[in-house]
Full PDB file with SEQRES, HELIX, SHEET, SSBOND, CRYST1, ORIGX, SCALE, CONECT and MASTER records, all heavy atoms in Angstrom:
SEQRES   1 A   30  ARG THR GLY LYS SER ASP GLN ALA ALA THR ILE VAL SER          
SEQRES   2 A   30  GLU VAL ARG ALA ARG ASP PHE ASP ASP PRO GLU LYS ALA          
SEQRES   3 A   30  THR VAL THR GLY                                              
HELIX    1 AA1 SER A    5  ARG A   16  1                                  12    
HELIX    2 AA2 ALA A   17  ASP A   19  5                                   3    
HELIX    3 AA3 PRO A   23  ALA A   26  1                                   4    
CRYST1    1.000    1.000    1.000  90.00  90.00  90.00 P 1           1          
ORIGX1      1.000000  0.000000  0.000000        0.00000                         
ORIGX2      0.000000  1.000000  0.000000        0.00000                         
ORIGX3      0.000000  0.000000  1.000000        0.00000                         
SCALE1      1.000000  0.000000  0.000000        0.00000                         
SCALE2      0.000000  1.000000  0.000000        0.00000                         
SCALE3      0.000000  0.000000  1.000000        0.00000                         
ATOM      1  N   ARG A   1     -50.333 -12.555 -37.262  1.00  0.00           N  
ATOM      2  CA  ARG A   1     -51.647 -12.183 -37.794  1.00  0.00           C  
ATOM      3  C   ARG A   1     -52.800 -12.715 -36.946  1.00  0.00           C  
ATOM      4  O   ARG A   1     -53.948 -12.319 -37.152  1.00  0.00           O  
ATOM      5  CB  ARG A   1     -51.775 -12.697 -39.238  1.00  0.00           C  
ATOM      6  CG  ARG A   1     -50.868 -11.966 -40.225  1.00  0.00           C  
ATOM      7  CD  ARG A   1     -51.050 -12.507 -41.633  1.00  0.00           C  
ATOM      8  NE  ARG A   1     -50.187 -11.864 -42.610  1.00  0.00           N  
ATOM      9  CZ  ARG A   1     -50.470 -10.733 -43.247  1.00  0.00           C  
ATOM     10  NH1 ARG A   1     -51.607 -10.100 -42.992  1.00  0.00           N  
ATOM     11  NH2 ARG A   1     -49.633 -10.235 -44.135  1.00  0.00           N  
ATOM     12  N   THR A   2     -52.516 -13.617 -36.030  1.00  0.00           N  
ATOM     13  CA  THR A   2     -53.564 -14.158 -35.160  1.00  0.00           C  
ATOM     14  C   THR A   2     -53.396 -13.694 -33.721  1.00  0.00           C  
ATOM     15  O   THR A   2     -53.853 -14.347 -32.784  1.00  0.00           O  
ATOM     16  CB  THR A   2     -53.581 -15.698 -35.223  1.00  0.00           C  
ATOM     17  OG1 THR A   2     -52.265 -16.212 -34.949  1.00  0.00           O  
ATOM     18  CG2 THR A   2     -54.032 -16.175 -36.594  1.00  0.00           C  
ATOM     19  N   GLY A   3     -52.716 -12.545 -33.528  1.00  0.00           N  
ATOM     20  CA  GLY A   3     -52.647 -11.917 -32.220  1.00  0.00           C  
ATOM     21  C   GLY A   3     -51.604 -12.475 -31.280  1.00  0.00           C  
ATOM     22  O   GLY A   3     -51.651 -12.202 -30.074  1.00  0.00           O  
ATOM     23  N   LYS A   4     -50.647 -13.232 -31.798  1.00  0.00           N  
ATOM     24  CA  LYS A   4     -49.603 -13.814 -30.951  1.00  0.00           C  
ATOM     25  C   LYS A   4     -48.244 -13.219 -31.342  1.00  0.00           C  
ATOM     26  O   LYS A   4     -47.303 -13.925 -31.704  1.00  0.00           O  
ATOM     27  CB  LYS A   4     -49.592 -15.336 -31.084  1.00  0.00           C  
ATOM     28  CG  LYS A   4     -50.941 -15.991 -30.765  1.00  0.00           C  
ATOM     29  CD  LYS A   4     -50.891 -17.483 -30.985  1.00  0.00           C  
ATOM     30  CE  LYS A   4     -52.237 -18.135 -30.721  1.00  0.00           C  
ATOM     31  NZ  LYS A   4     -53.266 -17.759 -31.711  1.00  0.00           N  
ATOM     32  N   SER A   5     -48.151 -11.907 -31.261  1.00  0.00           N  
ATOM     33  CA  SER A   5     -46.969 -11.201 -31.770  1.00  0.00           C  
ATOM     34  C   SER A   5     -45.710 -11.525 -30.982  1.00  0.00           C  
ATOM     35  O   SER A   5     -44.609 -11.557 -31.553  1.00  0.00           O  
ATOM     36  CB  SER A   5     -47.226  -9.687 -31.771  1.00  0.00           C  
ATOM     37  OG  SER A   5     -47.499  -9.223 -30.463  1.00  0.00           O  
ATOM     38  N   ASP A   6     -45.825 -11.773 -29.685  1.00  0.00           N  
ATOM     39  CA  ASP A   6     -44.634 -12.092 -28.900  1.00  0.00           C  
ATOM     40  C   ASP A   6     -44.051 -13.446 -29.306  1.00  0.00           C  
ATOM     41  O   ASP A   6     -42.831 -13.609 -29.376  1.00  0.00           O  
ATOM     42  CB  ASP A   6     -44.957 -12.081 -27.410  1.00  0.00           C  
ATOM     43  CG  ASP A   6     -45.209 -10.672 -26.881  1.00  0.00           C  
ATOM     44  OD1 ASP A   6     -44.780  -9.714 -27.551  1.00  0.00           O  
ATOM     45  OD2 ASP A   6     -45.842 -10.536 -25.817  1.00  0.00           O  
ATOM     46  N   GLN A   7     -44.922 -14.422 -29.585  1.00  0.00           N  
ATOM     47  CA  GLN A   7     -44.437 -15.718 -30.080  1.00  0.00           C  
ATOM     48  C   GLN A   7     -43.789 -15.555 -31.449  1.00  0.00           C  
ATOM     49  O   GLN A   7     -42.774 -16.181 -31.746  1.00  0.00           O  
ATOM     50  CB  GLN A   7     -45.589 -16.715 -30.148  1.00  0.00           C  
ATOM     51  CG  GLN A   7     -46.182 -17.109 -28.806  1.00  0.00           C  
ATOM     52  CD  GLN A   7     -47.310 -18.104 -28.952  1.00  0.00           C  
ATOM     53  OE1 GLN A   7     -47.221 -19.072 -29.702  1.00  0.00           O  
ATOM     54  NE2 GLN A   7     -48.404 -17.854 -28.232  1.00  0.00           N  
ATOM     55  N   ALA A   8     -44.386 -14.722 -32.272  1.00  0.00           N  
ATOM     56  CA  ALA A   8     -43.809 -14.455 -33.596  1.00  0.00           C  
ATOM     57  C   ALA A   8     -42.428 -13.840 -33.462  1.00  0.00           C  
ATOM     58  O   ALA A   8     -41.486 -14.211 -34.176  1.00  0.00           O  
ATOM     59  CB  ALA A   8     -44.727 -13.534 -34.394  1.00  0.00           C  
ATOM     60  N   ALA A   9     -42.281 -12.901 -32.529  1.00  0.00           N  
ATOM     61  CA  ALA A   9     -41.002 -12.217 -32.339  1.00  0.00           C  
ATOM     62  C   ALA A   9     -39.919 -13.184 -31.884  1.00  0.00           C  
ATOM     63  O   ALA A   9     -38.751 -13.053 -32.280  1.00  0.00           O  
ATOM     64  CB  ALA A   9     -41.162 -11.094 -31.323  1.00  0.00           C  
ATOM     65  N   THR A  10     -40.269 -14.162 -31.074  1.00  0.00           N  
ATOM     66  CA  THR A  10     -39.287 -15.166 -30.636  1.00  0.00           C  
ATOM     67  C   THR A  10     -38.724 -15.927 -31.826  1.00  0.00           C  
ATOM     68  O   THR A  10     -37.513 -16.164 -31.918  1.00  0.00           O  
ATOM     69  CB  THR A  10     -39.946 -16.144 -29.648  1.00  0.00           C  
ATOM     70  OG1 THR A  10     -40.391 -15.422 -28.492  1.00  0.00           O  
ATOM     71  CG2 THR A  10     -38.957 -17.223 -29.213  1.00  0.00           C  
ATOM     72  N   ILE A  11     -39.597 -16.305 -32.764  1.00  0.00           N  
ATOM     73  CA  ILE A  11     -39.150 -17.042 -33.946  1.00  0.00           C  
ATOM     74  C   ILE A  11     -38.311 -16.152 -34.857  1.00  0.00           C  
ATOM     75  O   ILE A  11     -37.257 -16.564 -35.353  1.00  0.00           O  
ATOM     76  CB  ILE A  11     -40.367 -17.608 -34.710  1.00  0.00           C  
ATOM     77  CG1 ILE A  11     -41.104 -18.625 -33.843  1.00  0.00           C  
ATOM     78  CG2 ILE A  11     -39.927 -18.241 -36.027  1.00  0.00           C  
ATOM     79  CD1 ILE A  11     -42.395 -19.138 -34.460  1.00  0.00           C  
ATOM     80  N   VAL A  12     -38.764 -14.941 -35.093  1.00  0.00           N  
ATOM     81  CA  VAL A  12     -38.018 -14.021 -35.959  1.00  0.00           C  
ATOM     82  C   VAL A  12     -36.640 -13.745 -35.367  1.00  0.00           C  
ATOM     83  O   VAL A  12     -35.626 -13.715 -36.091  1.00  0.00           O  
ATOM     84  CB  VAL A  12     -38.792 -12.711 -36.173  1.00  0.00           C  
ATOM     85  CG1 VAL A  12     -37.943 -11.701 -36.952  1.00  0.00           C  
ATOM     86  CG2 VAL A  12     -40.108 -12.978 -36.911  1.00  0.00           C  
ATOM     87  N   SER A  13     -36.560 -13.590 -34.064  1.00  0.00           N  
ATOM     88  CA  SER A  13     -35.264 -13.372 -33.410  1.00  0.00           C  
ATOM     89  C   SER A  13     -34.354 -14.579 -33.578  1.00  0.00           C  
ATOM     90  O   SER A  13     -33.135 -14.431 -33.730  1.00  0.00           O  
ATOM     91  CB  SER A  13     -35.474 -13.079 -31.915  1.00  0.00           C  
ATOM     92  OG  SER A  13     -36.228 -11.884 -31.727  1.00  0.00           O  
ATOM     93  N   GLU A  14     -34.944 -15.766 -33.585  1.00  0.00           N  
ATOM     94  CA  GLU A  14     -34.159 -16.988 -33.821  1.00  0.00           C  
ATOM     95  C   GLU A  14     -33.555 -16.979 -35.222  1.00  0.00           C  
ATOM     96  O   GLU A  14     -32.387 -17.334 -35.410  1.00  0.00           O  
ATOM     97  CB  GLU A  14     -35.058 -18.212 -33.649  1.00  0.00           C  
ATOM     98  CG  GLU A  14     -34.383 -19.535 -33.955  1.00  0.00           C  
ATOM     99  CD  GLU A  14     -35.349 -20.717 -33.966  1.00  0.00           C  
ATOM    100  OE1 GLU A  14     -36.514 -20.543 -33.525  1.00  0.00           O  
ATOM    101  OE2 GLU A  14     -34.948 -21.806 -34.426  1.00  0.00           O  
ATOM    102  N   VAL A  15     -34.334 -16.565 -36.203  1.00  0.00           N  
ATOM    103  CA  VAL A  15     -33.835 -16.506 -37.584  1.00  0.00           C  
ATOM    104  C   VAL A  15     -32.747 -15.440 -37.707  1.00  0.00           C  
ATOM    105  O   VAL A  15     -31.734 -15.633 -38.391  1.00  0.00           O  
ATOM    106  CB  VAL A  15     -34.986 -16.232 -38.561  1.00  0.00           C  
ATOM    107  CG1 VAL A  15     -34.458 -16.013 -39.979  1.00  0.00           C  
ATOM    108  CG2 VAL A  15     -35.998 -17.383 -38.541  1.00  0.00           C  
ATOM    109  N   ARG A  16     -32.917 -14.312 -37.031  1.00  0.00           N  
ATOM    110  CA  ARG A  16     -31.979 -13.198 -37.124  1.00  0.00           C  
ATOM    111  C   ARG A  16     -30.670 -13.448 -36.372  1.00  0.00           C  
ATOM    112  O   ARG A  16     -29.674 -12.758 -36.628  1.00  0.00           O  
ATOM    113  CB  ARG A  16     -32.630 -11.932 -36.552  1.00  0.00           C  
ATOM    114  CG  ARG A  16     -33.695 -11.313 -37.427  1.00  0.00           C  
ATOM    115  CD  ARG A  16     -34.515 -10.269 -36.658  1.00  0.00           C  
ATOM    116  NE  ARG A  16     -33.697  -9.232 -36.054  1.00  0.00           N  
ATOM    117  CZ  ARG A  16     -33.456  -8.046 -36.594  1.00  0.00           C  
ATOM    118  NH1 ARG A  16     -33.954  -7.751 -37.788  1.00  0.00           N  
ATOM    119  NH2 ARG A  16     -32.726  -7.145 -35.950  1.00  0.00           N  
ATOM    120  N   ALA A  17     -30.662 -14.396 -35.452  1.00  0.00           N  
ATOM    121  CA  ALA A  17     -29.524 -14.564 -34.547  1.00  0.00           C  
ATOM    122  C   ALA A  17     -28.203 -14.746 -35.275  1.00  0.00           C  
ATOM    123  O   ALA A  17     -27.156 -14.259 -34.829  1.00  0.00           O  
ATOM    124  CB  ALA A  17     -29.782 -15.748 -33.610  1.00  0.00           C  
ATOM    125  N   ARG A  18     -28.212 -15.442 -36.404  1.00  0.00           N  
ATOM    126  CA  ARG A  18     -26.970 -15.687 -37.137  1.00  0.00           C  
ATOM    127  C   ARG A  18     -26.486 -14.452 -37.899  1.00  0.00           C  
ATOM    128  O   ARG A  18     -25.355 -14.440 -38.402  1.00  0.00           O  
ATOM    129  CB  ARG A  18     -27.156 -16.846 -38.109  1.00  0.00           C  
ATOM    130  CG  ARG A  18     -28.183 -16.571 -39.199  1.00  0.00           C  
ATOM    131  CD  ARG A  18     -28.408 -17.773 -40.085  1.00  0.00           C  
ATOM    132  NE  ARG A  18     -29.520 -17.569 -41.012  1.00  0.00           N  
ATOM    133  CZ  ARG A  18     -29.994 -18.510 -41.828  1.00  0.00           C  
ATOM    134  NH1 ARG A  18     -29.456 -19.718 -41.834  1.00  0.00           N  
ATOM    135  NH2 ARG A  18     -31.008 -18.251 -42.640  1.00  0.00           N  
ATOM    136  N   ASP A  19     -27.329 -13.457 -38.010  1.00  0.00           N  
ATOM    137  CA  ASP A  19     -27.042 -12.316 -38.874  1.00  0.00           C  
ATOM    138  C   ASP A  19     -26.491 -11.103 -38.142  1.00  0.00           C  
ATOM    139  O   ASP A  19     -26.142 -10.107 -38.782  1.00  0.00           O  
ATOM    140  CB  ASP A  19     -28.305 -11.913 -39.642  1.00  0.00           C  
ATOM    141  CG  ASP A  19     -28.877 -13.071 -40.445  1.00  0.00           C  
ATOM    142  OD1 ASP A  19     -28.091 -13.756 -41.119  1.00  0.00           O  
ATOM    143  OD2 ASP A  19     -30.096 -13.293 -40.381  1.00  0.00           O  
ATOM    144  N   PHE A  20     -26.421 -11.173 -36.811  1.00  0.00           N  
ATOM    145  CA  PHE A  20     -25.924 -10.054 -36.005  1.00  0.00           C  
ATOM    146  C   PHE A  20     -24.896 -10.562 -34.997  1.00  0.00           C  
ATOM    147  O   PHE A  20     -25.126 -11.576 -34.338  1.00  0.00           O  
ATOM    148  CB  PHE A  20     -27.070  -9.367 -35.259  1.00  0.00           C  
ATOM    149  CG  PHE A  20     -28.036  -8.634 -36.146  1.00  0.00           C  
ATOM    150  CD1 PHE A  20     -29.088  -9.315 -36.758  1.00  0.00           C  
ATOM    151  CD2 PHE A  20     -27.896  -7.277 -36.377  1.00  0.00           C  
ATOM    152  CE1 PHE A  20     -29.989  -8.655 -37.573  1.00  0.00           C  
ATOM    153  CE2 PHE A  20     -28.785  -6.602 -37.194  1.00  0.00           C  
ATOM    154  CZ  PHE A  20     -29.837  -7.284 -37.799  1.00  0.00           C  
ATOM    155  N   ASP A  21     -23.774  -9.880 -34.896  1.00  0.00           N  
ATOM    156  CA  ASP A  21     -22.779 -10.240 -33.889  1.00  0.00           C  
ATOM    157  C   ASP A  21     -23.255  -9.883 -32.486  1.00  0.00           C  
ATOM    158  O   ASP A  21     -22.862 -10.527 -31.508  1.00  0.00           O  
ATOM    159  CB  ASP A  21     -21.446  -9.540 -34.188  1.00  0.00           C  
ATOM    160  CG  ASP A  21     -20.804 -10.066 -35.467  1.00  0.00           C  
ATOM    161  OD1 ASP A  21     -20.980 -11.261 -35.768  1.00  0.00           O  
ATOM    162  OD2 ASP A  21     -20.151  -9.263 -36.168  1.00  0.00           O  
ATOM    163  N   ASP A  22     -24.083  -8.861 -32.399  1.00  0.00           N  
ATOM    164  CA  ASP A  22     -24.621  -8.427 -31.120  1.00  0.00           C  
ATOM    165  C   ASP A  22     -25.999  -9.075 -30.922  1.00  0.00           C  
ATOM    166  O   ASP A  22     -26.953  -8.753 -31.640  1.00  0.00           O  
ATOM    167  CB  ASP A  22     -24.762  -6.898 -31.098  1.00  0.00           C  
ATOM    168  CG  ASP A  22     -25.226  -6.361 -29.753  1.00  0.00           C  
ATOM    169  OD1 ASP A  22     -25.687  -7.152 -28.915  1.00  0.00           O  
ATOM    170  OD2 ASP A  22     -25.141  -5.127 -29.547  1.00  0.00           O  
ATOM    171  N   PRO A  23     -26.149  -9.996 -29.965  1.00  0.00           N  
ATOM    172  CA  PRO A  23     -27.441 -10.674 -29.750  1.00  0.00           C  
ATOM    173  C   PRO A  23     -28.587  -9.715 -29.488  1.00  0.00           C  
ATOM    174  O   PRO A  23     -29.735 -10.000 -29.846  1.00  0.00           O  
ATOM    175  CB  PRO A  23     -27.169 -11.562 -28.530  1.00  0.00           C  
ATOM    176  CG  PRO A  23     -25.685 -11.762 -28.524  1.00  0.00           C  
ATOM    177  CD  PRO A  23     -25.107 -10.488 -29.054  1.00  0.00           C  
ATOM    178  N   GLU A  24     -28.312  -8.585 -28.862  1.00  0.00           N  
ATOM    179  CA  GLU A  24     -29.383  -7.628 -28.585  1.00  0.00           C  
ATOM    180  C   GLU A  24     -29.955  -7.062 -29.875  1.00  0.00           C  
ATOM    181  O   GLU A  24     -31.162  -6.825 -29.983  1.00  0.00           O  
ATOM    182  CB  GLU A  24     -28.861  -6.505 -27.685  1.00  0.00           C  
ATOM    183  CG  GLU A  24     -28.577  -6.944 -26.251  1.00  0.00           C  
ATOM    184  CD  GLU A  24     -28.251  -5.770 -25.350  1.00  0.00           C  
ATOM    185  OE1 GLU A  24     -28.436  -4.607 -25.796  1.00  0.00           O  
ATOM    186  OE2 GLU A  24     -27.829  -6.001 -24.213  1.00  0.00           O  
ATOM    187  N   LYS A  25     -29.085  -6.822 -30.864  1.00  0.00           N  
ATOM    188  CA  LYS A  25     -29.571  -6.286 -32.138  1.00  0.00           C  
ATOM    189  C   LYS A  25     -30.353  -7.334 -32.926  1.00  0.00           C  
ATOM    190  O   LYS A  25     -31.180  -6.978 -33.780  1.00  0.00           O  
ATOM    191  CB  LYS A  25     -28.387  -5.771 -32.965  1.00  0.00           C  
ATOM    192  CG  LYS A  25     -27.752  -4.511 -32.404  1.00  0.00           C  
ATOM    193  CD  LYS A  25     -26.683  -3.973 -33.336  1.00  0.00           C  
ATOM    194  CE  LYS A  25     -26.101  -2.658 -32.814  1.00  0.00           C  
ATOM    195  NZ  LYS A  25     -25.061  -2.103 -33.714  1.00  0.00           N  
ATOM    196  N   ALA A  26     -30.081  -8.596 -32.661  1.00  0.00           N  
ATOM    197  CA  ALA A  26     -30.810  -9.659 -33.352  1.00  0.00           C  
ATOM    198  C   ALA A  26     -32.218  -9.837 -32.812  1.00  0.00           C  
ATOM    199  O   ALA A  26     -33.084 -10.411 -33.483  1.00  0.00           O  
ATOM    200  CB  ALA A  26     -30.046 -10.974 -33.231  1.00  0.00           C  
ATOM    201  N   THR A  27     -32.473  -9.340 -31.633  1.00  0.00           N  
ATOM    202  CA  THR A  27     -33.756  -9.537 -30.962  1.00  0.00           C  
ATOM    203  C   THR A  27     -34.764  -8.471 -31.366  1.00  0.00           C  
ATOM    204  O   THR A  27     -34.455  -7.276 -31.365  1.00  0.00           O  
ATOM    205  CB  THR A  27     -33.573  -9.512 -29.435  1.00  0.00           C  
ATOM    206  OG1 THR A  27     -32.619 -10.513 -29.052  1.00  0.00           O  
ATOM    207  CG2 THR A  27     -34.885  -9.790 -28.728  1.00  0.00           C  
ATOM    208  N   VAL A  28     -35.956  -8.928 -31.746  1.00  0.00           N  
ATOM    209  CA  VAL A  28     -37.044  -8.012 -32.070  1.00  0.00           C  
ATOM    210  C   VAL A  28     -38.217  -8.291 -31.136  1.00  0.00           C  
ATOM    211  O   VAL A  28     -38.314  -9.371 -30.545  1.00  0.00           O  
ATOM    212  CB  VAL A  28     -37.499  -8.146 -33.540  1.00  0.00           C  
ATOM    213  CG1 VAL A  28     -36.404  -7.735 -34.487  1.00  0.00           C  
ATOM    214  CG2 VAL A  28     -37.955  -9.568 -33.839  1.00  0.00           C  
ATOM    215  N   THR A  29     -39.107  -7.342 -31.020  1.00  0.00           N  
ATOM    216  CA  THR A  29     -40.285  -7.493 -30.178  1.00  0.00           C  
ATOM    217  C   THR A  29     -41.532  -7.630 -31.029  1.00  0.00           C  
ATOM    218  O   THR A  29     -41.548  -7.255 -32.215  1.00  0.00           O  
ATOM    219  CB  THR A  29     -40.441  -6.287 -29.239  1.00  0.00           C  
ATOM    220  OG1 THR A  29     -40.745  -5.121 -30.034  1.00  0.00           O  
ATOM    221  CG2 THR A  29     -39.175  -6.047 -28.431  1.00  0.00           C  
ATOM    222  N   GLY A  30     -42.583  -8.147 -30.419  1.00  0.00           N  
ATOM    223  CA  GLY A  30     -43.855  -8.237 -31.120  1.00  0.00           C  
ATOM    224  C   GLY A  30     -44.380  -6.884 -31.534  1.00  0.00           C  
ATOM    225  O   GLY A  30     -44.929  -6.719 -32.625  1.00  0.00           O  
TER     226      GLY A  30                                                      
MASTER        0    0    0    3    0    0    0    6  225    1    0    3          
END                                                                             
């Protein structure tokens, strides 16, 4: 919400990592 979407995406991808067997699918972009 403060214009740092790429940093946000790094954190969200960290949370998602345990939920996908394929690391690429766990990764999201800003």
